[in-house]
N, C-alpha and C. Protein backbone atom coordinates (compact mmCIF):
# COMPACT_ATOMS: atom_id res chain seq x y z
N MET A 1 11.45 -28.05 49.54
CA MET A 1 13.17 -27.57 49.96
C MET A 1 13.68 -25.83 50.33
N PRO A 2 13.30 -26.14 52.29
CA PRO A 2 14.33 -24.25 52.49
C PRO A 2 14.10 -23.10 52.12
N SER A 3 13.78 -21.49 51.80
CA SER A 3 14.64 -20.97 51.54
C SER A 3 15.37 -20.55 51.48
N SER A 4 15.99 -21.14 53.23
CA SER A 4 17.81 -20.64 53.44
C SER A 4 18.17 -21.25 54.65
N TYR A 5 18.92 -21.97 54.44
CA TYR A 5 19.72 -22.68 55.13
C TYR A 5 20.63 -22.17 56.35
N SER A 6 20.88 -22.36 57.29
CA SER A 6 22.09 -21.85 58.20
C SER A 6 22.77 -23.09 59.25
N PHE A 7 23.65 -22.22 60.21
CA PHE A 7 24.29 -23.30 61.02
C PHE A 7 24.56 -21.59 61.80
N ASP A 8 24.95 -22.57 63.58
CA ASP A 8 25.67 -22.17 64.09
C ASP A 8 26.96 -21.78 65.10
N VAL A 9 27.79 -20.80 64.88
CA VAL A 9 29.15 -21.22 65.53
C VAL A 9 28.89 -20.90 66.92
N VAL A 10 29.66 -21.70 68.32
CA VAL A 10 29.79 -21.60 69.71
C VAL A 10 30.82 -22.54 70.00
N SER A 11 30.95 -22.33 71.40
CA SER A 11 32.22 -22.11 72.33
C SER A 11 31.33 -22.64 73.46
N GLU A 12 31.93 -24.42 73.30
CA GLU A 12 30.78 -25.54 74.55
C GLU A 12 32.34 -26.13 74.23
N PHE A 13 31.90 -27.14 75.32
CA PHE A 13 32.54 -28.78 76.02
C PHE A 13 31.33 -29.55 76.04
N ASP A 14 31.74 -31.18 76.17
CA ASP A 14 31.10 -31.62 76.33
C ASP A 14 31.38 -31.72 78.96
N GLN A 15 30.60 -31.62 79.07
CA GLN A 15 30.35 -31.45 80.57
C GLN A 15 30.90 -32.60 80.69
N GLN A 16 30.09 -34.08 80.50
CA GLN A 16 30.32 -35.29 81.15
C GLN A 16 31.55 -36.20 80.92
N GLU A 17 32.43 -35.51 79.71
CA GLU A 17 33.59 -35.70 79.39
C GLU A 17 34.61 -34.91 80.23
N LEU A 18 34.21 -33.91 80.57
CA LEU A 18 35.03 -33.54 80.43
C LEU A 18 35.56 -34.38 82.81
N VAL A 19 34.31 -34.17 83.03
CA VAL A 19 34.20 -35.05 84.87
C VAL A 19 34.76 -36.31 84.42
N ASN A 20 34.09 -36.93 83.93
CA ASN A 20 35.06 -38.81 83.48
C ASN A 20 36.48 -38.47 83.01
N ALA A 21 37.42 -36.62 82.45
CA ALA A 21 38.57 -36.75 82.03
C ALA A 21 38.75 -36.22 83.68
N ILE A 22 38.31 -35.52 85.05
CA ILE A 22 38.82 -35.24 86.24
C ILE A 22 38.69 -36.57 87.18
N ASP A 23 37.80 -37.35 86.72
CA ASP A 23 38.17 -38.37 87.18
C ASP A 23 38.85 -39.38 86.66
N GLN A 24 39.61 -39.52 85.64
CA GLN A 24 40.57 -39.72 86.00
C GLN A 24 41.83 -39.43 86.49
N LEU A 25 42.27 -37.89 86.32
CA LEU A 25 42.64 -37.51 86.86
C LEU A 25 42.93 -38.09 88.04
N ARG A 26 41.93 -37.84 88.88
CA ARG A 26 42.33 -38.39 90.88
C ARG A 26 42.75 -39.38 91.07
N ARG A 27 42.13 -40.95 90.00
CA ARG A 27 42.32 -41.39 90.54
C ARG A 27 44.19 -41.82 89.74
N GLU A 28 44.36 -41.21 88.84
CA GLU A 28 46.33 -41.35 88.73
C GLU A 28 46.67 -40.59 89.40
N VAL A 29 46.40 -39.20 89.38
CA VAL A 29 47.26 -39.14 90.90
C VAL A 29 47.08 -39.28 92.69
N ASP A 30 45.54 -40.18 92.39
CA ASP A 30 45.86 -41.12 94.24
C ASP A 30 46.92 -42.53 93.06
N ASN A 31 47.48 -43.02 92.88
CA ASN A 31 47.85 -44.15 92.13
C ASN A 31 49.57 -43.01 91.82
N ARG A 32 49.09 -42.91 91.23
CA ARG A 32 50.97 -42.12 90.87
C ARG A 32 52.20 -42.00 92.29
N TYR A 33 53.26 -43.07 91.87
CA TYR A 33 53.60 -42.92 93.77
C TYR A 33 54.49 -41.23 94.22
N ASP A 34 54.67 -40.73 93.16
CA ASP A 34 55.02 -39.08 92.72
C ASP A 34 54.38 -37.81 93.77
N LEU A 35 52.84 -38.89 93.20
CA LEU A 35 52.00 -37.76 93.23
C LEU A 35 51.29 -38.30 94.43
N LYS A 36 51.24 -39.25 95.06
CA LYS A 36 50.35 -40.36 96.44
C LYS A 36 50.02 -39.72 97.48
N ASP A 37 51.23 -38.77 97.89
CA ASP A 37 51.48 -38.34 99.00
C ASP A 37 51.02 -36.94 99.28
N SER A 38 51.05 -36.82 98.02
CA SER A 38 51.28 -34.49 97.51
C SER A 38 49.64 -34.10 98.27
N LYS A 39 48.98 -35.00 99.22
CA LYS A 39 47.24 -34.32 99.43
C LYS A 39 46.92 -32.87 98.44
N THR A 40 47.15 -33.48 97.17
CA THR A 40 46.52 -32.74 96.55
C THR A 40 45.20 -32.88 95.93
N LYS A 41 44.32 -31.93 96.01
CA LYS A 41 42.39 -32.18 95.78
C LYS A 41 42.51 -31.58 94.90
N ILE A 42 40.96 -31.55 93.66
CA ILE A 42 40.35 -31.49 92.83
C ILE A 42 39.77 -31.54 92.75
N ASP A 43 39.05 -29.87 92.75
CA ASP A 43 37.36 -29.81 93.33
C ASP A 43 36.81 -29.08 91.41
N ILE A 44 35.48 -29.42 91.52
CA ILE A 44 34.95 -29.33 89.83
C ILE A 44 33.64 -28.94 90.08
N ASN A 45 33.46 -27.09 89.54
CA ASN A 45 31.37 -26.94 89.64
C ASN A 45 31.43 -26.32 87.98
N GLU A 46 30.22 -26.00 88.23
CA GLU A 46 29.61 -25.08 86.69
C GLU A 46 31.04 -24.71 85.89
N ASN A 47 31.47 -23.79 86.56
CA ASN A 47 32.78 -22.98 85.32
C ASN A 47 33.72 -23.18 86.03
N GLU A 48 34.59 -23.84 86.89
CA GLU A 48 35.81 -23.38 86.78
C GLU A 48 36.27 -24.72 87.81
N LEU A 49 37.69 -25.01 88.53
CA LEU A 49 38.70 -26.08 88.64
C LEU A 49 39.42 -26.12 89.38
N SER A 50 39.34 -26.05 90.83
CA SER A 50 40.39 -25.97 91.96
C SER A 50 41.58 -27.13 91.55
N ILE A 51 42.56 -26.48 91.49
CA ILE A 51 43.51 -27.46 91.98
C ILE A 51 44.31 -27.07 93.31
N VAL A 52 44.15 -27.72 94.22
CA VAL A 52 44.60 -28.14 95.82
C VAL A 52 45.90 -28.47 95.98
N SER A 53 46.69 -28.81 96.38
CA SER A 53 48.59 -29.17 96.54
C SER A 53 49.74 -28.84 97.91
N LEU A 54 50.54 -29.52 97.82
CA LEU A 54 51.77 -28.75 98.71
C LEU A 54 52.56 -27.93 97.57
N SER A 55 52.73 -28.00 96.62
CA SER A 55 53.56 -27.93 95.17
C SER A 55 53.26 -27.45 94.44
N GLU A 56 53.94 -25.67 94.00
CA GLU A 56 54.09 -25.96 92.67
C GLU A 56 54.63 -26.89 92.11
N MET A 57 55.43 -27.88 92.13
CA MET A 57 55.73 -28.49 90.73
C MET A 57 54.52 -29.56 90.69
N THR A 58 54.36 -29.70 92.07
CA THR A 58 53.43 -31.29 91.85
C THR A 58 51.44 -30.72 91.33
N ILE A 59 51.53 -29.67 91.27
CA ILE A 59 50.70 -28.60 90.18
C ILE A 59 50.44 -28.76 88.57
N GLN A 60 51.82 -28.58 88.60
CA GLN A 60 52.25 -28.57 87.34
C GLN A 60 51.86 -29.76 86.67
N SER A 61 52.63 -31.16 87.74
CA SER A 61 52.36 -31.95 87.04
C SER A 61 50.76 -32.62 86.87
N VAL A 62 50.11 -32.39 87.81
CA VAL A 62 48.47 -32.32 88.65
C VAL A 62 48.06 -31.66 86.71
N LYS A 63 48.61 -30.47 86.25
CA LYS A 63 48.01 -29.97 84.95
C LYS A 63 48.54 -30.74 83.77
N ASP A 64 50.20 -30.95 84.00
CA ASP A 64 50.63 -32.40 82.65
C ASP A 64 49.15 -33.40 82.80
N ILE A 65 49.15 -33.62 83.12
CA ILE A 65 47.95 -34.85 82.96
C ILE A 65 46.39 -34.71 83.08
N LEU A 66 46.19 -33.54 83.25
CA LEU A 66 45.07 -32.52 83.06
C LEU A 66 44.44 -32.66 81.64
N LEU A 67 44.96 -31.91 81.52
CA LEU A 67 46.10 -31.57 80.23
C LEU A 67 45.35 -32.62 78.31
N GLN A 68 46.38 -33.79 79.24
CA GLN A 68 47.11 -35.26 78.42
C GLN A 68 45.60 -36.11 78.97
N LYS A 69 44.47 -36.35 79.72
CA LYS A 69 43.26 -37.58 79.93
C LYS A 69 42.00 -36.07 79.14
N ALA A 70 41.96 -34.80 79.28
CA ALA A 70 41.64 -34.02 78.55
C ALA A 70 41.40 -34.23 76.82
N THR A 71 42.89 -34.46 76.67
CA THR A 71 43.09 -34.19 74.90
C THR A 71 42.57 -35.56 74.81
N LYS A 72 42.66 -37.59 74.94
CA LYS A 72 42.03 -38.03 75.04
C LYS A 72 40.94 -38.13 74.62
N ARG A 73 40.00 -36.98 75.72
CA ARG A 73 38.85 -37.48 75.19
C ARG A 73 38.28 -36.62 74.82
N ASN A 74 39.35 -36.17 73.79
CA ASN A 74 38.87 -35.32 72.88
C ASN A 74 38.23 -33.79 73.09
N LEU A 75 38.76 -33.18 74.32
CA LEU A 75 38.36 -32.07 75.06
C LEU A 75 39.02 -30.80 74.14
N SER A 76 39.60 -29.92 73.79
CA SER A 76 39.58 -29.00 73.57
C SER A 76 40.75 -28.32 75.00
N LEU A 77 41.86 -28.19 73.92
CA LEU A 77 43.01 -27.52 75.56
C LEU A 77 42.41 -25.78 75.52
N LYS A 78 41.74 -25.06 74.84
CA LYS A 78 41.41 -24.00 74.88
C LYS A 78 40.56 -23.85 76.10
N ILE A 79 39.59 -24.61 76.93
CA ILE A 79 38.44 -23.92 77.34
C ILE A 79 39.49 -23.67 78.58
N PHE A 80 40.55 -24.03 78.81
CA PHE A 80 41.61 -24.02 79.90
C PHE A 80 41.78 -23.17 79.91
N ASP A 81 41.79 -21.64 81.16
CA ASP A 81 42.25 -20.25 81.08
C ASP A 81 42.30 -20.83 82.71
N PHE A 82 44.69 -21.50 82.77
CA PHE A 82 45.19 -21.44 83.97
C PHE A 82 45.28 -20.00 84.68
N GLN A 83 45.03 -19.66 85.81
CA GLN A 83 44.76 -18.66 86.62
C GLN A 83 46.74 -18.91 87.46
N LYS A 84 46.97 -18.02 87.75
CA LYS A 84 47.55 -17.69 88.88
C LYS A 84 48.10 -18.99 89.48
N ILE A 85 49.38 -19.19 90.19
CA ILE A 85 49.31 -20.09 91.68
C ILE A 85 49.49 -19.13 92.40
N GLU A 86 48.43 -19.24 93.64
CA GLU A 86 48.43 -18.97 95.17
C GLU A 86 49.07 -19.54 95.89
N THR A 87 49.49 -19.16 97.16
CA THR A 87 49.43 -19.84 98.02
C THR A 87 48.93 -19.58 99.65
N ILE A 88 48.29 -20.60 100.02
CA ILE A 88 47.05 -20.44 101.03
C ILE A 88 47.45 -21.26 101.89
N GLY A 89 46.47 -21.29 103.08
CA GLY A 89 47.07 -21.36 104.70
C GLY A 89 47.38 -23.08 104.45
N GLY A 90 48.49 -23.41 106.04
CA GLY A 90 48.47 -24.77 105.92
C GLY A 90 49.66 -25.00 104.63
N ASN A 91 50.98 -23.90 104.24
CA ASN A 91 52.28 -24.73 103.64
C ASN A 91 51.41 -25.66 102.51
N MET A 92 49.73 -24.75 102.12
CA MET A 92 49.13 -25.36 100.44
C MET A 92 49.76 -25.01 99.38
N VAL A 93 49.11 -24.45 97.76
CA VAL A 93 49.10 -23.91 97.04
C VAL A 93 47.95 -24.23 95.94
N MET A 94 47.08 -23.16 95.99
CA MET A 94 46.64 -23.12 94.94
C MET A 94 45.92 -22.75 93.68
N GLN A 95 45.43 -23.46 92.59
CA GLN A 95 44.99 -22.70 91.86
C GLN A 95 43.65 -23.26 90.57
N ASN A 96 43.45 -21.82 90.50
CA ASN A 96 41.92 -22.09 89.73
C ASN A 96 42.93 -22.46 88.33
N VAL A 97 41.20 -23.57 87.84
CA VAL A 97 40.90 -23.10 85.58
C VAL A 97 40.10 -22.82 85.62
N ILE A 98 39.50 -22.02 84.81
CA ILE A 98 38.54 -21.28 84.39
C ILE A 98 37.92 -21.60 83.41
N LEU A 99 36.49 -22.46 83.02
CA LEU A 99 36.57 -23.37 81.76
C LEU A 99 35.02 -22.06 81.65
N LYS A 100 36.41 -22.63 80.19
CA LYS A 100 35.71 -20.89 78.98
C LYS A 100 34.72 -21.67 78.06
N LYS A 101 33.68 -21.77 78.22
CA LYS A 101 32.43 -21.79 77.60
C LYS A 101 31.60 -20.00 76.98
N GLY A 102 30.83 -20.35 75.52
CA GLY A 102 30.37 -18.96 75.46
C GLY A 102 31.40 -18.19 74.09
N LEU A 103 30.28 -17.76 73.20
CA LEU A 103 31.18 -17.12 72.83
C LEU A 103 31.77 -15.60 73.78
N PRO A 104 32.47 -15.50 73.52
CA PRO A 104 32.88 -13.54 74.03
C PRO A 104 32.11 -13.05 73.16
N GLN A 105 31.71 -11.44 73.17
CA GLN A 105 30.92 -10.79 72.69
C GLN A 105 32.35 -9.85 71.51
N GLU A 106 33.09 -9.74 71.83
CA GLU A 106 34.18 -9.34 70.65
C GLU A 106 34.20 -10.11 69.73
N ILE A 107 34.98 -11.28 70.33
CA ILE A 107 35.21 -12.74 69.14
C ILE A 107 33.65 -12.66 68.48
N SER A 108 32.18 -12.87 68.38
CA SER A 108 31.30 -12.84 67.47
C SER A 108 32.07 -11.34 67.05
N LYS A 109 31.69 -10.26 67.17
CA LYS A 109 31.83 -9.73 66.47
C LYS A 109 33.28 -9.80 65.55
N LYS A 110 34.02 -10.21 66.02
CA LYS A 110 35.22 -9.98 64.63
C LYS A 110 34.34 -10.92 64.15
N LEU A 111 33.97 -12.26 64.12
CA LEU A 111 33.91 -13.59 63.28
C LEU A 111 32.72 -12.93 62.40
N SER A 112 32.01 -12.44 62.74
CA SER A 112 30.89 -11.66 62.08
C SER A 112 31.81 -11.14 61.27
N LYS A 113 32.13 -9.44 61.68
CA LYS A 113 33.18 -9.00 60.12
C LYS A 113 33.65 -9.82 59.54
N LEU A 114 34.10 -10.36 59.91
CA LEU A 114 34.88 -11.63 59.01
C LEU A 114 33.91 -12.37 57.71
N VAL A 115 33.06 -12.72 58.34
CA VAL A 115 31.93 -13.03 57.74
C VAL A 115 31.25 -12.65 56.04
N ARG A 116 30.96 -11.15 57.07
CA ARG A 116 30.45 -10.61 56.23
C ARG A 116 31.47 -9.28 55.28
N ASP A 117 32.54 -9.45 55.90
CA ASP A 117 33.35 -8.66 54.80
C ASP A 117 33.37 -9.86 53.73
N ASN A 118 33.61 -10.56 53.47
CA ASN A 118 35.04 -11.98 52.06
C ASN A 118 33.22 -12.92 51.67
N LEU A 119 32.52 -12.97 52.91
CA LEU A 119 30.79 -13.40 51.83
C LEU A 119 30.07 -13.37 52.29
N LYS A 120 29.34 -12.38 51.08
CA LYS A 120 28.25 -11.18 50.68
C LYS A 120 27.37 -11.94 50.82
N LYS A 121 27.16 -13.12 49.86
CA LYS A 121 25.74 -14.06 49.99
C LYS A 121 24.97 -14.92 52.07
N VAL A 122 26.23 -14.39 52.45
CA VAL A 122 25.24 -15.22 54.20
C VAL A 122 25.35 -13.46 55.14
N THR A 123 24.91 -13.95 55.51
CA THR A 123 24.60 -13.48 57.11
C THR A 123 24.91 -13.59 58.68
N ALA A 124 25.96 -12.61 58.58
CA ALA A 124 25.43 -13.34 60.25
C ALA A 124 24.90 -12.56 60.88
N SER A 125 24.25 -13.37 61.98
CA SER A 125 23.92 -12.42 63.28
C SER A 125 24.23 -12.84 64.24
N ILE A 126 25.00 -12.45 65.55
CA ILE A 126 25.03 -12.61 67.47
C ILE A 126 23.90 -12.81 67.88
N GLN A 127 23.86 -13.75 68.52
CA GLN A 127 22.51 -13.77 69.03
C GLN A 127 23.34 -14.75 70.72
N GLY A 128 23.44 -13.87 71.71
CA GLY A 128 24.00 -13.82 73.54
C GLY A 128 25.17 -14.81 73.05
N ASP A 129 25.30 -16.05 73.33
CA ASP A 129 26.80 -16.71 73.26
C ASP A 129 26.59 -17.21 71.97
N SER A 130 26.04 -16.93 71.14
CA SER A 130 26.49 -18.36 69.72
C SER A 130 26.65 -16.54 68.55
N MET A 131 26.90 -17.68 67.36
CA MET A 131 26.15 -16.35 66.34
C MET A 131 26.25 -17.31 64.87
N ARG A 132 24.89 -16.72 65.03
CA ARG A 132 24.00 -17.95 63.10
C ARG A 132 24.49 -17.03 62.09
N VAL A 133 24.99 -17.39 61.19
CA VAL A 133 24.90 -17.76 60.17
C VAL A 133 24.46 -18.37 58.96
N THR A 134 23.42 -17.43 57.67
CA THR A 134 21.96 -18.04 56.94
C THR A 134 22.54 -17.45 55.71
N GLY A 135 22.46 -18.23 54.66
CA GLY A 135 22.64 -18.43 53.20
C GLY A 135 21.76 -18.99 52.65
N LYS A 136 21.29 -18.72 50.99
CA LYS A 136 20.59 -19.61 50.86
C LYS A 136 21.00 -20.60 49.91
N ASN A 137 22.43 -20.39 49.68
CA ASN A 137 23.07 -22.12 48.84
C ASN A 137 24.09 -22.81 50.18
N LYS A 138 23.82 -23.71 50.35
CA LYS A 138 24.78 -25.01 51.41
C LYS A 138 26.65 -23.89 51.41
N ASP A 139 26.92 -24.33 49.69
CA ASP A 139 28.08 -24.13 49.31
C ASP A 139 28.86 -23.15 50.01
N ASP A 140 27.76 -21.84 49.91
CA ASP A 140 28.83 -20.66 50.56
C ASP A 140 28.67 -20.70 52.47
N LEU A 141 27.50 -22.05 53.05
CA LEU A 141 28.03 -21.05 54.22
C LEU A 141 29.31 -22.88 54.59
N GLN A 142 29.00 -23.43 53.79
CA GLN A 142 30.60 -24.42 53.69
C GLN A 142 31.95 -23.32 53.67
N SER A 143 31.63 -22.51 52.73
CA SER A 143 32.34 -21.33 52.55
C SER A 143 33.53 -20.93 54.01
N ALA A 144 31.74 -20.42 54.48
CA ALA A 144 31.79 -19.53 55.49
C ALA A 144 32.76 -20.41 56.61
N ILE A 145 32.15 -21.69 56.95
CA ILE A 145 32.70 -22.47 58.02
C ILE A 145 33.76 -22.64 57.76
N ASN A 146 34.64 -23.03 56.29
CA ASN A 146 35.95 -22.87 56.22
C ASN A 146 36.52 -22.02 56.60
N LEU A 147 36.27 -20.17 56.54
CA LEU A 147 36.52 -18.99 56.60
C LEU A 147 36.71 -18.54 58.13
N ILE A 148 35.82 -19.03 59.02
CA ILE A 148 36.35 -19.11 60.75
C ILE A 148 36.78 -20.67 61.09
N LYS A 149 37.20 -21.06 60.47
CA LYS A 149 37.10 -22.33 61.15
C LYS A 149 40.08 -21.78 60.83
N GLY A 150 39.34 -21.12 60.05
CA GLY A 150 40.86 -20.80 59.11
C GLY A 150 41.46 -19.51 60.00
N GLN A 151 40.38 -18.88 61.86
CA GLN A 151 40.57 -17.85 61.94
C GLN A 151 40.71 -18.91 63.51
N GLU A 152 40.56 -20.51 63.42
CA GLU A 152 40.40 -20.11 65.24
C GLU A 152 41.91 -20.40 65.37
N ASP A 153 43.33 -20.96 65.06
CA ASP A 153 43.96 -20.68 65.25
C ASP A 153 44.78 -18.95 66.10
N ALA A 154 44.38 -18.35 65.56
CA ALA A 154 44.57 -17.31 65.58
C ALA A 154 43.63 -16.87 67.43
N LEU A 155 42.64 -17.38 67.32
CA LEU A 155 41.32 -17.25 69.03
C LEU A 155 41.71 -18.16 70.06
N ASP A 156 41.97 -17.90 70.86
CA ASP A 156 42.25 -18.53 72.35
C ASP A 156 40.94 -19.32 73.25
N ILE A 157 40.20 -19.33 71.88
CA ILE A 157 38.63 -20.56 72.58
C ILE A 157 38.00 -21.25 71.56
N ALA A 158 37.91 -22.25 71.88
CA ALA A 158 37.61 -23.06 70.89
C ALA A 158 36.56 -23.14 70.34
N LEU A 159 36.26 -23.38 69.19
CA LEU A 159 34.98 -23.54 68.37
C LEU A 159 33.85 -24.52 67.95
N GLN A 160 32.25 -25.32 67.43
CA GLN A 160 32.14 -25.55 67.26
C GLN A 160 30.61 -25.10 66.39
N PHE A 161 30.78 -26.34 65.55
CA PHE A 161 29.23 -26.01 64.57
C PHE A 161 28.26 -26.88 64.44
N GLU A 162 27.14 -25.45 65.03
CA GLU A 162 25.87 -26.46 65.13
C GLU A 162 24.62 -26.34 64.66
N ASN A 163 23.78 -27.64 64.79
CA ASN A 163 22.33 -26.66 64.10
C ASN A 163 22.82 -27.16 62.66
N TYR A 164 23.63 -27.36 61.71
CA TYR A 164 23.27 -27.02 60.31
C TYR A 164 22.41 -27.77 59.77
N ARG A 165 21.86 -26.94 59.29
CA ARG A 165 20.32 -27.31 58.22
C ARG A 165 19.70 -26.60 57.28
C-alpha cells in the first residue's frame, strides 16, 4: 500500500474534440442560409483560433455557434479568450480567440495557498503549468478536490483533476 496519494490539478482541453467542434462549425457556416455568402473563414492552430468574415454581426453568429458546438462536445467555455474584433483589408473583420491551456502561475499560487490554509494534512506543489496535491489519506485528497472545485467558478479557467493515485 502506498505511503502517500496524489493528484494533479491542470487546465487543459481535448484538442481533438476542439477540432471536431470547429469542423462542425465550418459545415454549419457553409450550409446556413444567413451565413452562406458571408465569406467566413475559420483557422485553428495550436493555441489560437481566428474568425474572418464580412461583418461583426456574422462573427457574433459564428461565435454563438462555436460555443454551442463546444458545449455539445463537453469542452469548457472557459478555454476561449475572445479578443477584440479588428477591421482588416477588403471590408473584412477578424476576431482572434486565444485557447487557454495550462495553469497560470498566479492561479497556481492562489490554489496552493487555499489548500495549505484549509487542509493541514495535504501539501500542494506547483510544477510548471500544473499543481500536484499529495497526502497520506485519500479522504483528505477528496476534501482538497472539493475545496478547489468550490473555487472554480471564481476562476476564469477550466480545471481538471488527473493522475489520482
